[in-house]
Amino acid sequence: MFSIEHEFDATVIVLMDEGEPPLQEDVIINSFAECVTIEQYDPRTDTVQKITLSANQLRDLAAALDLPEGIYQLRETPPGK
């Protein structure tokens, strides 16, 4: 299950784990104009862990989910091609 909220400076997506226990903590994705942050509470340390991705890293991650093993470099396609 997930939720989407549009705030003043970001779109916030919350991913909630469903299914059989043990369940993972919610994942919160904040999409800003310049970056994306991914946060998850860590009950072992009682802290929130945060990862920040640039727009290019997010694009690469999205592409990597559908590619086989290997090393890749995405290139921009000029408009009209």
C-alpha atoms as a PDB file:
ATOM      1  CA  MET A   1       0.000   0.000   0.000  1.00  0.00           C
ATOM      2  CA  PHE A   2       1.219   3.529  -0.628  1.00  0.00           C
ATOM      3  CA  SER A   3       0.113   7.132  -0.339  1.00  0.00           C
ATOM      4  CA  ILE A   4       0.958  10.220  -2.394  1.00  0.00           C
ATOM      5  CA  GLU A   5       0.737  13.800  -1.132  1.00  0.00           C
ATOM      6  CA  HIS A   6       1.662  16.989  -2.944  1.00  0.00           C
ATOM      7  CA  GLU A   7       3.186  19.551  -0.606  1.00  0.00           C
ATOM      8  CA  PHE A   8       4.476  23.058  -1.282  1.00  0.00           C
ATOM      9  CA  ASP A   9       8.024  22.063  -2.284  1.00  0.00           C
ATOM     10  CA  ALA A  10       7.849  18.282  -2.706  1.00  0.00           C
ATOM     11  CA  THR A  11       5.788  15.260  -3.603  1.00  0.00           C
ATOM     12  CA  VAL A  12       5.788  12.795  -0.709  1.00  0.00           C
ATOM     13  CA  ILE A  13       5.256   9.079  -1.323  1.00  0.00           C
ATOM     14  CA  VAL A  14       4.941   6.675   1.613  1.00  0.00           C
ATOM     15  CA  LEU A  15       5.375   2.937   0.974  1.00  0.00           C
ATOM     16  CA  MET A  16       3.821   0.723   3.654  1.00  0.00           C
ATOM     17  CA  ASP A  17       4.825  -2.926   3.931  1.00  0.00           C
ATOM     18  CA  GLU A  18       1.958  -5.407   3.745  1.00  0.00           C
ATOM     19  CA  GLY A  19       1.776  -9.144   4.057  1.00  0.00           C
ATOM     20  CA  GLU A  20       3.205 -11.644   6.475  1.00  0.00           C
ATOM     21  CA  PRO A  21       5.319 -10.501   9.438  1.00  0.00           C
ATOM     22  CA  PRO A  22       8.030  -9.538   9.932  1.00  0.00           C
ATOM     23  CA  LEU A  23       7.106  -6.286   8.175  1.00  0.00           C
ATOM     24  CA  GLN A  24       9.569  -3.536   7.294  1.00  0.00           C
ATOM     25  CA  GLU A  25       9.176   0.058   8.472  1.00  0.00           C
ATOM     26  CA  ASP A  26       7.478   2.569   6.148  1.00  0.00           C
ATOM     27  CA  VAL A  27       9.649   4.084   3.402  1.00  0.00           C
ATOM     28  CA  ILE A  28       9.164   7.827   2.808  1.00  0.00           C
ATOM     29  CA  ILE A  29      10.216   9.276  -0.558  1.00  0.00           C
ATOM     30  CA  ASN A  30      10.415  13.068  -0.889  1.00  0.00           C
ATOM     31  CA  SER A  31      10.668  14.250  -4.486  1.00  0.00           C
ATOM     32  CA  PHE A  32      12.057  17.795  -4.747  1.00  0.00           C
ATOM     33  CA  ALA A  33      12.984  19.699  -7.909  1.00  0.00           C
ATOM     34  CA  GLU A  34      16.720  19.138  -7.350  1.00  0.00           C
ATOM     35  CA  CYS A  35      16.841  15.700  -5.641  1.00  0.00           C
ATOM     36  CA  VAL A  36      14.944  12.790  -4.129  1.00  0.00           C
ATOM     37  CA  THR A  37      15.350  11.641  -0.539  1.00  0.00           C
ATOM     38  CA  ILE A  38      14.463   8.184   0.756  1.00  0.00           C
ATOM     39  CA  GLU A  39      13.943   7.761   4.497  1.00  0.00           C
ATOM     40  CA  GLN A  40      13.232   4.787   6.729  1.00  0.00           C
ATOM     41  CA  TYR A  41      13.090   4.478  10.506  1.00  0.00           C
ATOM     42  CA  ASP A  42      15.645   2.025  11.951  1.00  0.00           C
ATOM     43  CA  PRO A  43      14.272   0.576  15.211  1.00  0.00           C
ATOM     44  CA  ARG A  44      17.664  -0.951  16.100  1.00  0.00           C
ATOM     45  CA  THR A  45      19.281   2.498  16.374  1.00  0.00           C
ATOM     46  CA  ASP A  46      16.088   4.525  16.955  1.00  0.00           C
ATOM     47  CA  THR A  47      17.084   6.847  14.092  1.00  0.00           C
ATOM     48  CA  VAL A  48      15.813   7.692  10.624  1.00  0.00           C
ATOM     49  CA  GLN A  49      18.192   6.647   7.851  1.00  0.00           C
ATOM     50  CA  LYS A  50      18.233   8.988   4.850  1.00  0.00           C
ATOM     51  CA  ILE A  51      19.603   8.590   1.311  1.00  0.00           C
ATOM     52  CA  THR A  52      19.701  11.496  -1.162  1.00  0.00           C
ATOM     53  CA  LEU A  53      19.685  10.802  -4.917  1.00  0.00           C
ATOM     54  CA  SER A  54      20.273  13.311  -7.705  1.00  0.00           C
ATOM     55  CA  ALA A  55      17.882  13.360 -10.658  1.00  0.00           C
ATOM     56  CA  ASN A  56      20.492  11.451 -12.703  1.00  0.00           C
ATOM     57  CA  GLN A  57      20.893   8.777 -10.018  1.00  0.00           C
ATOM     58  CA  LEU A  58      17.120   8.356  -9.822  1.00  0.00           C
ATOM     59  CA  ARG A  59      16.913   8.014 -13.624  1.00  0.00           C
ATOM     60  CA  ASP A  60      19.685   5.388 -13.535  1.00  0.00           C
ATOM     61  CA  LEU A  61      17.964   3.485 -10.721  1.00  0.00           C
ATOM     62  CA  ALA A  62      14.684   3.389 -12.662  1.00  0.00           C
ATOM     63  CA  ALA A  63      16.506   2.056 -15.752  1.00  0.00           C
ATOM     64  CA  ALA A  64      18.504  -0.480 -13.713  1.00  0.00           C
ATOM     65  CA  LEU A  65      15.346  -2.141 -12.412  1.00  0.00           C
ATOM     66  CA  ASP A  66      14.612  -3.429 -15.942  1.00  0.00           C
ATOM     67  CA  LEU A  67      18.133  -4.341 -17.154  1.00  0.00           C
ATOM     68  CA  PRO A  68      20.225  -7.516 -16.818  1.00  0.00           C
ATOM     69  CA  GLU A  69      23.612  -7.660 -15.091  1.00  0.00           C
ATOM     70  CA  GLY A  70      26.240  -5.352 -16.568  1.00  0.00           C
ATOM     71  CA  ILE A  71      27.662  -1.841 -16.571  1.00  0.00           C
ATOM     72  CA  TYR A  72      25.626   0.845 -18.288  1.00  0.00           C
ATOM     73  CA  GLN A  73      25.736   4.548 -19.061  1.00  0.00           C
ATOM     74  CA  LEU A  74      22.544   6.239 -20.151  1.00  0.00           C
ATOM     75  CA  ARG A  75      22.873   8.920 -22.795  1.00  0.00           C
ATOM     76  CA  GLU A  76      20.432  11.710 -23.499  1.00  0.00           C
ATOM     77  CA  THR A  77      18.668  11.495 -26.871  1.00  0.00           C
ATOM     78  CA  PRO A  78      18.550  14.857 -28.642  1.00  0.00           C
ATOM     79  CA  PRO A  79      15.006  16.084 -29.325  1.00  0.00           C
ATOM     80  CA  GLY A  80      13.606  14.919 -32.661  1.00  0.00           C
ATOM     81  CA  LYS A  81      15.637  11.694 -32.828  1.00  0.00           C
END
